[in-house]
Amino acid sequence: MTLVVCFQGKDGFVLAADSRGTIGDPRGLTAIRDTHVKLFQLSKYVGIVSYGAAELAAQLIEEIRKQLDPGDIYIDLILNKTREVLRGRYQDWFKVFPIGERPGVGFILGGYNEDKTMKTYYLSSGVDFAPQLATNVAMGGIPQYATYLVHRLFNPEMCRKHLIPLAVYVISETATQDPKVGGPIRVAEISMENGYIELEQSEIQKVMAHNEEQNKKLREFFFRG
């Protein structure tokens, strides 16, 4: 399984994903591989994260990239082309299977339109990739723990510099509770000024270290007095 997030804040987006893939019955012990890439750039102003069947999702994103022209940089145009590719490939590859029996895969797109409006969309195989518009927060995979944390901590007035540690935090905390989430975390931010920028692993490690310092202070708080 996995956990991927897309946060829409005051000055842009933050997208993040773990890298864990599991094989076997999810109700029991599974084989683990922490090498999956689930965060991708589609254009200067659009990023995408995937959840579900990781290898299939990665192949579908490659198919999407082949269909995008250099001028396709804004999210609503990319959304339409992305849905066309996803539905077309699914109909081609899995036409002998009913929709409910096809491999489950989902995507979250976040980005800007030319008029600087910000949009976040879900596209899921379970509903034939019908676009679902999200507000501020979108998560896929195993979001139960993250949903609680986001309800407690997220504020739409947050800037990207605040959303980056929050995105890392909800993934790393979920990984402490559910072994189907884990591995290196990848993070990207998108702004109208600078476009899509993916963080280096060294930057993410610094964010994780800072988060742990804050966790330590919280634990110490309950020992005072």
Protein backbone atom coordinates (compact mmCIF):
# COMPACT_ATOMS: atom_id res chain seq x y z
CA MET A 1 0.00 0.00 0.00
CA THR A 2 1.04 3.59 0.37
CA LEU A 3 0.24 7.06 1.59
CA VAL A 4 0.31 10.05 -0.75
CA VAL A 5 -0.83 13.59 0.00
CA CYS A 6 -1.49 16.84 -1.82
CA PHE A 7 -1.91 19.98 0.28
CA GLN A 8 -3.12 23.26 -1.21
CA GLY A 9 -1.98 26.23 0.83
CA LYS A 10 -1.90 30.01 0.71
CA ASP A 11 1.02 30.24 -1.74
CA GLY A 12 1.01 26.92 -3.58
CA PHE A 13 0.99 23.16 -3.31
CA VAL A 14 2.95 20.49 -1.50
CA LEU A 15 2.80 16.91 -2.76
CA ALA A 16 4.43 14.01 -0.94
CA ALA A 17 4.56 10.22 -1.16
CA ASP A 18 6.15 7.29 0.59
CA SER A 19 7.99 4.63 -1.44
CA ARG A 20 6.71 1.36 0.00
CA GLY A 21 5.25 -1.44 -2.03
CA THR A 22 3.82 -4.60 -0.47
CA ILE A 23 3.09 -8.03 -1.92
CA GLY A 24 0.66 -10.54 -0.46
CA ASP A 25 -2.54 -10.52 1.55
CA PRO A 26 -2.79 -7.02 3.13
CA ARG A 27 -4.49 -8.52 6.20
CA GLY A 28 -1.30 -10.41 7.13
CA LEU A 29 2.45 -10.27 6.68
CA THR A 30 3.58 -9.07 3.27
CA ALA A 31 6.82 -8.72 1.38
CA ILE A 32 8.07 -5.14 1.33
CA ARG A 33 10.00 -3.09 -1.23
CA ASP A 34 10.82 0.57 -0.61
CA THR A 35 11.84 1.61 -4.12
CA HIS A 36 8.57 2.71 -5.70
CA VAL A 37 8.30 6.19 -7.21
CA LYS A 38 4.82 7.65 -6.71
CA LEU A 39 5.49 11.38 -7.18
CA PHE A 40 5.88 12.81 -10.69
CA GLN A 41 6.05 16.12 -12.51
CA LEU A 42 3.64 16.52 -15.43
CA SER A 43 4.45 20.14 -16.30
CA LYS A 44 5.93 23.31 -14.86
CA TYR A 45 2.73 23.90 -12.88
CA VAL A 46 1.28 20.41 -12.34
CA GLY A 47 2.36 17.48 -10.18
CA ILE A 48 0.79 14.06 -9.67
CA VAL A 49 0.97 11.34 -7.02
CA SER A 50 -0.26 7.76 -7.43
CA TYR A 51 -1.64 5.07 -5.17
CA GLY A 52 -2.80 1.51 -5.68
CA ALA A 53 -0.96 -0.81 -8.07
CA ALA A 54 2.38 1.03 -8.16
CA GLU A 55 3.93 -0.53 -11.26
CA LEU A 56 0.74 -0.05 -13.26
CA ALA A 57 0.43 3.56 -12.07
CA ALA A 58 4.02 4.31 -13.12
CA GLN A 59 3.38 2.87 -16.60
CA LEU A 60 0.19 4.88 -16.95
CA ILE A 61 2.02 8.08 -16.06
CA GLU A 62 4.59 7.32 -18.75
CA GLU A 63 1.70 6.93 -21.19
CA ILE A 64 0.30 10.29 -20.05
CA ARG A 65 3.63 12.05 -20.51
CA LYS A 66 3.85 10.79 -24.09
CA GLN A 67 0.55 12.49 -24.91
CA LEU A 68 1.36 15.88 -23.39
CA ASP A 69 2.64 18.63 -25.66
CA PRO A 70 5.22 21.21 -24.50
CA GLY A 71 2.46 23.81 -24.29
CA ASP A 72 0.34 21.67 -21.99
CA ILE A 73 1.31 23.23 -18.68
CA TYR A 74 -1.95 24.12 -16.90
CA ILE A 75 -3.97 21.71 -14.82
CA ASP A 76 -7.43 21.67 -16.41
CA LEU A 77 -6.01 20.89 -19.86
CA ILE A 78 -3.68 18.27 -18.39
CA LEU A 79 -6.56 16.79 -16.40
CA ASN A 80 -8.61 16.24 -19.55
CA LYS A 81 -5.72 14.64 -21.43
CA THR A 82 -4.80 12.53 -18.42
CA ARG A 83 -8.33 11.16 -18.13
CA GLU A 84 -8.45 10.37 -21.85
CA VAL A 85 -5.23 8.37 -21.59
CA LEU A 86 -6.26 6.54 -18.42
CA ARG A 87 -9.67 5.52 -19.73
CA GLY A 88 -8.26 4.55 -23.11
CA ARG A 89 -5.48 2.38 -21.70
CA TYR A 90 -7.81 0.70 -19.20
CA GLN A 91 -10.32 -0.08 -21.92
CA ASP A 92 -7.53 -1.48 -24.08
CA TRP A 93 -5.62 -3.43 -21.44
CA PHE A 94 -8.50 -4.67 -19.28
CA LYS A 95 -11.50 -4.74 -21.63
CA VAL A 96 -12.31 -8.37 -20.75
CA PHE A 97 -12.75 -7.40 -17.07
CA PRO A 98 -15.70 -5.50 -15.56
CA ILE A 99 -14.67 -2.17 -13.98
CA GLY A 100 -15.02 -3.59 -10.47
CA GLU A 101 -12.57 -6.40 -11.25
CA ARG A 102 -9.83 -4.30 -12.83
CA PRO A 103 -6.64 -3.46 -10.90
CA GLY A 104 -7.21 -0.58 -8.52
CA VAL A 105 -5.18 2.55 -9.15
CA GLY A 106 -5.68 6.19 -8.27
CA PHE A 107 -4.06 9.56 -8.89
CA ILE A 108 -4.13 13.00 -7.33
CA LEU A 109 -3.24 15.99 -9.51
CA GLY A 110 -2.44 19.41 -8.10
CA GLY A 111 -1.56 22.56 -9.98
CA TYR A 112 -2.38 25.94 -11.48
CA ASN A 113 -4.48 27.23 -14.33
CA GLU A 114 -3.37 30.13 -16.50
CA ASP A 115 -5.53 32.53 -14.47
CA LYS A 116 -3.60 31.43 -11.33
CA THR A 117 -6.52 29.49 -9.87
CA MET A 118 -5.42 26.40 -7.94
CA LYS A 119 -7.05 23.00 -8.45
CA THR A 120 -6.68 19.54 -6.92
CA TYR A 121 -8.33 16.51 -8.51
CA TYR A 122 -8.75 12.81 -7.79
CA LEU A 123 -8.83 10.32 -10.67
CA SER A 124 -9.64 6.75 -9.61
CA SER A 125 -10.12 3.55 -11.60
CA GLY A 126 -13.01 2.55 -9.34
CA VAL A 127 -15.20 5.31 -10.80
CA ASP A 128 -13.85 5.12 -14.37
CA PHE A 129 -11.48 8.03 -13.69
CA ALA A 130 -14.29 10.56 -13.28
CA PRO A 131 -12.68 13.81 -12.07
CA GLN A 132 -13.34 14.58 -8.42
CA LEU A 133 -12.47 18.10 -7.28
CA ALA A 134 -10.84 18.23 -3.85
CA THR A 135 -10.61 21.19 -1.47
CA ASN A 136 -7.25 22.00 0.13
CA VAL A 137 -6.41 18.41 1.15
CA ALA A 138 -6.32 15.19 -0.89
CA MET A 139 -4.87 11.89 0.31
CA GLY A 140 -4.75 8.38 -1.10
CA GLY A 141 -3.67 4.92 -0.02
CA ILE A 142 -3.94 4.48 3.75
CA PRO A 143 -5.15 7.88 5.00
CA GLN A 144 -6.77 6.95 8.31
CA TYR A 145 -4.04 8.19 10.67
CA ALA A 146 -3.16 11.08 8.39
CA THR A 147 -6.79 12.21 8.27
CA TYR A 148 -6.85 12.57 12.05
CA LEU A 149 -3.57 14.51 12.06
CA VAL A 150 -4.64 16.77 9.22
CA HIS A 151 -7.92 17.59 10.94
CA ARG A 152 -5.93 18.63 13.99
CA LEU A 153 -3.07 20.47 12.31
CA PHE A 154 -3.91 21.69 8.80
CA ASN A 155 -4.97 25.27 8.09
CA PRO A 156 -5.62 26.51 4.53
CA GLU A 157 -3.75 29.73 5.40
CA MET A 158 -0.53 27.74 5.78
CA CYS A 159 2.29 28.49 3.35
CA ARG A 160 4.42 25.89 1.59
CA LYS A 161 7.15 26.20 4.21
CA HIS A 162 4.63 24.99 6.81
CA LEU A 163 2.98 22.38 4.60
CA ILE A 164 6.25 20.62 3.77
CA PRO A 165 6.93 19.49 7.38
CA LEU A 166 3.24 18.65 7.82
CA ALA A 167 3.23 16.43 4.72
CA VAL A 168 6.39 14.66 5.88
CA TYR A 169 4.98 14.34 9.39
CA VAL A 170 1.69 12.67 8.43
CA ILE A 171 3.52 10.12 6.27
CA SER A 172 6.25 9.34 8.80
CA GLU A 173 3.74 9.09 11.65
CA THR A 174 1.51 6.77 9.63
CA ALA A 175 4.57 4.61 8.96
CA THR A 176 5.03 4.13 12.73
CA GLN A 177 1.50 2.70 12.96
CA ASP A 178 1.04 0.79 9.71
CA PRO A 179 3.87 -1.26 8.11
CA LYS A 180 2.27 -0.89 4.68
CA VAL A 181 3.51 2.73 4.65
CA GLY A 182 7.21 3.55 4.76
CA GLY A 183 10.51 3.94 2.97
CA PRO A 184 12.06 7.19 1.76
CA ILE A 185 9.61 10.08 1.42
CA ARG A 186 9.58 12.22 -1.70
CA VAL A 187 8.28 15.80 -1.62
CA ALA A 188 7.64 18.49 -4.23
CA GLU A 189 6.30 22.02 -4.02
CA ILE A 190 4.55 24.00 -6.74
CA SER A 191 4.25 27.77 -6.88
CA MET A 192 3.18 30.18 -9.59
CA GLU A 193 6.53 31.93 -9.28
CA ASN A 194 8.87 28.94 -9.49
CA GLY A 195 6.75 26.08 -10.76
CA TYR A 196 7.39 22.47 -9.74
CA ILE A 197 10.43 21.86 -7.53
CA GLU A 198 11.24 18.50 -5.98
CA LEU A 199 13.15 18.53 -2.70
CA GLU A 200 16.48 16.78 -2.31
CA GLN A 201 16.58 13.86 0.11
CA SER A 202 19.02 15.82 2.29
CA GLU A 203 16.38 18.55 2.70
CA ILE A 204 13.71 16.00 3.61
CA GLN A 205 16.01 14.43 6.20
CA LYS A 206 16.43 17.86 7.82
CA VAL A 207 12.64 18.27 7.91
CA MET A 208 12.27 14.85 9.54
CA ALA A 209 14.91 15.69 12.13
CA HIS A 210 13.15 18.96 12.96
CA ASN A 211 9.81 17.15 13.24
CA GLU A 212 11.35 14.68 15.68
CA GLU A 213 12.68 17.55 17.79
CA GLN A 214 9.15 18.92 18.03
CA ASN A 215 7.82 15.48 18.93
CA LYS A 216 10.40 15.24 21.69
CA LYS A 217 9.34 18.61 23.10
CA LEU A 218 5.72 17.47 23.11
CA ARG A 219 6.60 14.27 24.97
CA GLU A 220 8.63 16.25 27.50
CA PHE A 221 5.70 18.62 28.02
CA PHE A 222 3.67 15.83 29.64
CA PHE A 223 6.41 15.11 32.16
CA ARG A 224 6.49 18.66 33.50
CA GLY A 225 4.85 19.84 36.68
